Every structure is written in structure tokens, then in C-alpha cells.
Amino acid sequence: MTPIEQAVLAVLLMGLIILATRTFPFALFSRKDPPAALKFVERYIPPMVMAVLVVYCLKDVAWAVSPHGLREVAALAAVVVLHLLKRNALISIFGGTALYMFLIARF
């Protein structure tokens, strides 16, 4: 088999795998309610992941050294305020990240 044939076969195989993984949930849950375990995951995992990300982002902040984590706390507050106002995770995360990058560059 030539390298071109191998590449075409690999692309086709990857395309079929992606198609299967995208259609699997629709085929599985199209006619009935999802199981209780999936409902639990859908409801509680996103807030838990966000809490872990907050802890991870704040774990290396030097609280005893100037500016005492002020930039990180300001960005975190911006995320919370934006989320309370807009109820959109993308806007809150991007807004907080943009503020943090601005504060890091300027101060």
C-alpha cells in the first residue's frame, strides 16, 4: 500500500470514528429519557470542574508578596460579576481572562 493510499484510508477511518462518536448519543437517547447517572453528570459535573479550575488557578499565587494576589482576585471577581450579569460562561471566562492579561501586562 502506498503512502497516499494509507493517508486516504487513515482519513476515512478517522472520519467514520468521529461520525460514530457524534451520532452515538442521539441514537442511544433519542426515544427515552437519559439514565439517572447521566442526569447527575449533566447537573453536577460542570460546577465541580469549575471549582477545581479555580483552585488550580489560585494555588500558586504568592499571597505574602506584593501585589498579594490582587490581579487574580480582581479577575476572579470579574468572572463572578460577568456571570451573574450575563449568565454566559464564555463571556465570563473570556472577560476575566482578558482582565487578568491586562493586569499582568500593566502592573
C-alpha atoms as a PDB file:
ATOM      1  CA  MET A   1       0.000   0.000   0.000  1.00  0.00           C
ATOM      2  CA  THR A   2       1.389   3.401  -0.990  1.00  0.00           C
ATOM      3  CA  PRO A   3       1.675   6.286   1.465  1.00  0.00           C
ATOM      4  CA  ILE A   4      -1.140   8.131  -0.342  1.00  0.00           C
ATOM      5  CA  GLU A   5      -3.461   5.129  -0.002  1.00  0.00           C
ATOM      6  CA  GLN A   6      -2.526   4.839   3.688  1.00  0.00           C
ATOM      7  CA  ALA A   7      -3.265   8.526   4.255  1.00  0.00           C
ATOM      8  CA  VAL A   8      -6.643   8.302   2.495  1.00  0.00           C
ATOM      9  CA  LEU A   9      -7.528   5.184   4.473  1.00  0.00           C
ATOM     10  CA  ALA A  10      -6.495   6.861   7.735  1.00  0.00           C
ATOM     11  CA  VAL A  11      -8.598   9.964   6.966  1.00  0.00           C
ATOM     12  CA  LEU A  12     -11.625   7.850   6.069  1.00  0.00           C
ATOM     13  CA  LEU A  13     -11.250   5.747   9.199  1.00  0.00           C
ATOM     14  CA  MET A  14     -10.911   8.834  11.422  1.00  0.00           C
ATOM     15  CA  GLY A  15     -13.961  10.369   9.742  1.00  0.00           C
ATOM     16  CA  LEU A  16     -16.024   7.257  10.445  1.00  0.00           C
ATOM     17  CA  ILE A  17     -14.903   7.167  14.073  1.00  0.00           C
ATOM     18  CA  ILE A  18     -15.784  10.834  14.562  1.00  0.00           C
ATOM     19  CA  LEU A  19     -19.163  10.304  12.899  1.00  0.00           C
ATOM     20  CA  ALA A  20     -19.862   7.324  15.169  1.00  0.00           C
ATOM     21  CA  THR A  21     -18.949   9.206  18.337  1.00  0.00           C
ATOM     22  CA  ARG A  22     -21.101  12.181  17.332  1.00  0.00           C
ATOM     23  CA  THR A  23     -24.179  10.124  16.458  1.00  0.00           C
ATOM     24  CA  PHE A  24     -23.929   7.642  19.357  1.00  0.00           C
ATOM     25  CA  PRO A  25     -25.695   9.821  21.977  1.00  0.00           C
ATOM     26  CA  PHE A  26     -28.529  10.657  19.590  1.00  0.00           C
ATOM     27  CA  ALA A  27     -29.053   7.033  18.680  1.00  0.00           C
ATOM     28  CA  LEU A  28     -28.890   5.924  22.310  1.00  0.00           C
ATOM     29  CA  PHE A  29     -31.183   8.552  23.861  1.00  0.00           C
ATOM     30  CA  SER A  30     -33.484   9.536  21.008  1.00  0.00           C
ATOM     31  CA  ARG A  31     -36.595   7.720  22.266  1.00  0.00           C
ATOM     32  CA  LYS A  32     -36.222   7.687  26.036  1.00  0.00           C
ATOM     33  CA  ASP A  33     -35.046   9.792  28.937  1.00  0.00           C
ATOM     34  CA  PRO A  34     -31.373   9.544  29.815  1.00  0.00           C
ATOM     35  CA  PRO A  35     -30.447   7.405  32.826  1.00  0.00           C
ATOM     36  CA  ALA A  36     -30.197   8.960  36.297  1.00  0.00           C
ATOM     37  CA  ALA A  37     -26.397   8.725  36.279  1.00  0.00           C
ATOM     38  CA  LEU A  38     -26.201  10.822  33.127  1.00  0.00           C
ATOM     39  CA  LYS A  39     -28.593  13.386  34.578  1.00  0.00           C
ATOM     40  CA  PHE A  40     -26.340  13.593  37.651  1.00  0.00           C
ATOM     41  CA  VAL A  41     -23.267  14.152  35.481  1.00  0.00           C
ATOM     42  CA  GLU A  42     -25.078  16.766  33.427  1.00  0.00           C
ATOM     43  CA  ARG A  43     -26.136  18.712  36.501  1.00  0.00           C
ATOM     44  CA  TYR A  44     -23.220  18.469  38.931  1.00  0.00           C
ATOM     45  CA  ILE A  45     -20.002  17.895  36.991  1.00  0.00           C
ATOM     46  CA  PRO A  46     -19.681  21.371  35.345  1.00  0.00           C
ATOM     47  CA  PRO A  47     -19.747  23.262  38.698  1.00  0.00           C
ATOM     48  CA  MET A  48     -17.299  20.749  40.186  1.00  0.00           C
ATOM     49  CA  VAL A  49     -14.924  21.189  37.240  1.00  0.00           C
ATOM     50  CA  MET A  50     -15.143  24.974  37.589  1.00  0.00           C
ATOM     51  CA  ALA A  51     -14.356  24.732  41.321  1.00  0.00           C
ATOM     52  CA  VAL A  52     -11.302  22.590  40.585  1.00  0.00           C
ATOM     53  CA  LEU A  53     -10.158  25.107  37.947  1.00  0.00           C
ATOM     54  CA  VAL A  54     -10.486  27.992  40.421  1.00  0.00           C
ATOM     55  CA  VAL A  55      -8.407  26.124  42.998  1.00  0.00           C
ATOM     56  CA  TYR A  56      -5.847  25.207  40.327  1.00  0.00           C
ATOM     57  CA  CYS A  57      -5.589  28.817  39.119  1.00  0.00           C
ATOM     58  CA  LEU A  58      -5.122  30.203  42.626  1.00  0.00           C
ATOM     59  CA  LYS A  59      -2.786  27.533  44.022  1.00  0.00           C
ATOM     60  CA  ASP A  60       0.476  29.237  43.034  1.00  0.00           C
ATOM     61  CA  VAL A  61      -0.451  32.805  43.977  1.00  0.00           C
ATOM     62  CA  ALA A  62       2.110  34.382  46.292  1.00  0.00           C
ATOM     63  CA  TRP A  63      -0.299  35.858  48.841  1.00  0.00           C
ATOM     64  CA  ALA A  64       2.518  37.158  51.086  1.00  0.00           C
ATOM     65  CA  VAL A  65       4.340  39.009  48.289  1.00  0.00           C
ATOM     66  CA  SER A  66       3.177  42.232  46.650  1.00  0.00           C
ATOM     67  CA  PRO A  67       0.652  42.603  44.916  1.00  0.00           C
ATOM     68  CA  HIS A  68      -0.741  39.861  47.232  1.00  0.00           C
ATOM     69  CA  GLY A  69      -2.861  38.168  44.562  1.00  0.00           C
ATOM     70  CA  LEU A  70      -4.768  41.346  43.758  1.00  0.00           C
ATOM     71  CA  ARG A  71      -4.719  40.666  39.998  1.00  0.00           C
ATOM     72  CA  GLU A  72      -6.021  37.133  40.446  1.00  0.00           C
ATOM     73  CA  VAL A  73      -8.753  38.203  42.863  1.00  0.00           C
ATOM     74  CA  ALA A  74      -9.783  41.057  40.540  1.00  0.00           C
ATOM     75  CA  ALA A  75     -10.031  38.670  37.580  1.00  0.00           C
ATOM     76  CA  LEU A  76     -11.984  36.147  39.675  1.00  0.00           C
ATOM     77  CA  ALA A  77     -14.370  38.898  40.812  1.00  0.00           C
ATOM     78  CA  ALA A  78     -14.823  39.979  37.183  1.00  0.00           C
ATOM     79  CA  VAL A  79     -15.711  36.420  36.212  1.00  0.00           C
ATOM     80  CA  VAL A  80     -18.287  36.190  39.000  1.00  0.00           C
ATOM     81  CA  VAL A  81     -19.838  39.593  38.218  1.00  0.00           C
ATOM     82  CA  LEU A  82     -19.954  38.946  34.483  1.00  0.00           C
ATOM     83  CA  HIS A  83     -21.537  35.569  35.042  1.00  0.00           C
ATOM     84  CA  LEU A  84     -24.166  36.993  37.390  1.00  0.00           C
ATOM     85  CA  LEU A  85     -24.981  39.753  34.895  1.00  0.00           C
ATOM     86  CA  LYS A  86     -24.833  37.852  31.595  1.00  0.00           C
ATOM     87  CA  ARG A  87     -25.344  34.173  32.595  1.00  0.00           C
ATOM     88  CA  ASN A  88     -22.956  33.173  29.847  1.00  0.00           C
ATOM     89  CA  ALA A  89     -19.891  31.093  30.720  1.00  0.00           C
ATOM     90  CA  LEU A  90     -17.952  32.129  27.606  1.00  0.00           C
ATOM     91  CA  ILE A  91     -18.389  35.847  28.283  1.00  0.00           C
ATOM     92  CA  SER A  92     -17.433  35.434  31.941  1.00  0.00           C
ATOM     93  CA  ILE A  93     -14.357  33.317  31.298  1.00  0.00           C
ATOM     94  CA  PHE A  94     -13.097  35.410  28.386  1.00  0.00           C
ATOM     95  CA  GLY A  95     -13.813  38.657  30.249  1.00  0.00           C
ATOM     96  CA  GLY A  96     -11.944  37.500  33.355  1.00  0.00           C
ATOM     97  CA  THR A  97      -9.060  36.199  31.269  1.00  0.00           C
ATOM     98  CA  ALA A  98      -8.825  39.456  29.314  1.00  0.00           C
ATOM     99  CA  LEU A  99      -8.817  41.478  32.540  1.00  0.00           C
ATOM    100  CA  TYR A 100      -6.152  39.234  34.053  1.00  0.00           C
ATOM    101  CA  MET A 101      -3.939  39.530  30.955  1.00  0.00           C
ATOM    102  CA  PHE A 102      -4.373  43.316  31.005  1.00  0.00           C
ATOM    103  CA  LEU A 103      -3.445  43.492  34.696  1.00  0.00           C
ATOM    104  CA  ILE A 104      -0.416  41.240  34.209  1.00  0.00           C
ATOM    105  CA  ALA A 105       0.824  43.370  31.297  1.00  0.00           C
ATOM    106  CA  ARG A 106       0.268  46.723  33.011  1.00  0.00           C
ATOM    107  CA  PHE A 107       1.007  46.101  36.684  1.00  0.00           C
END
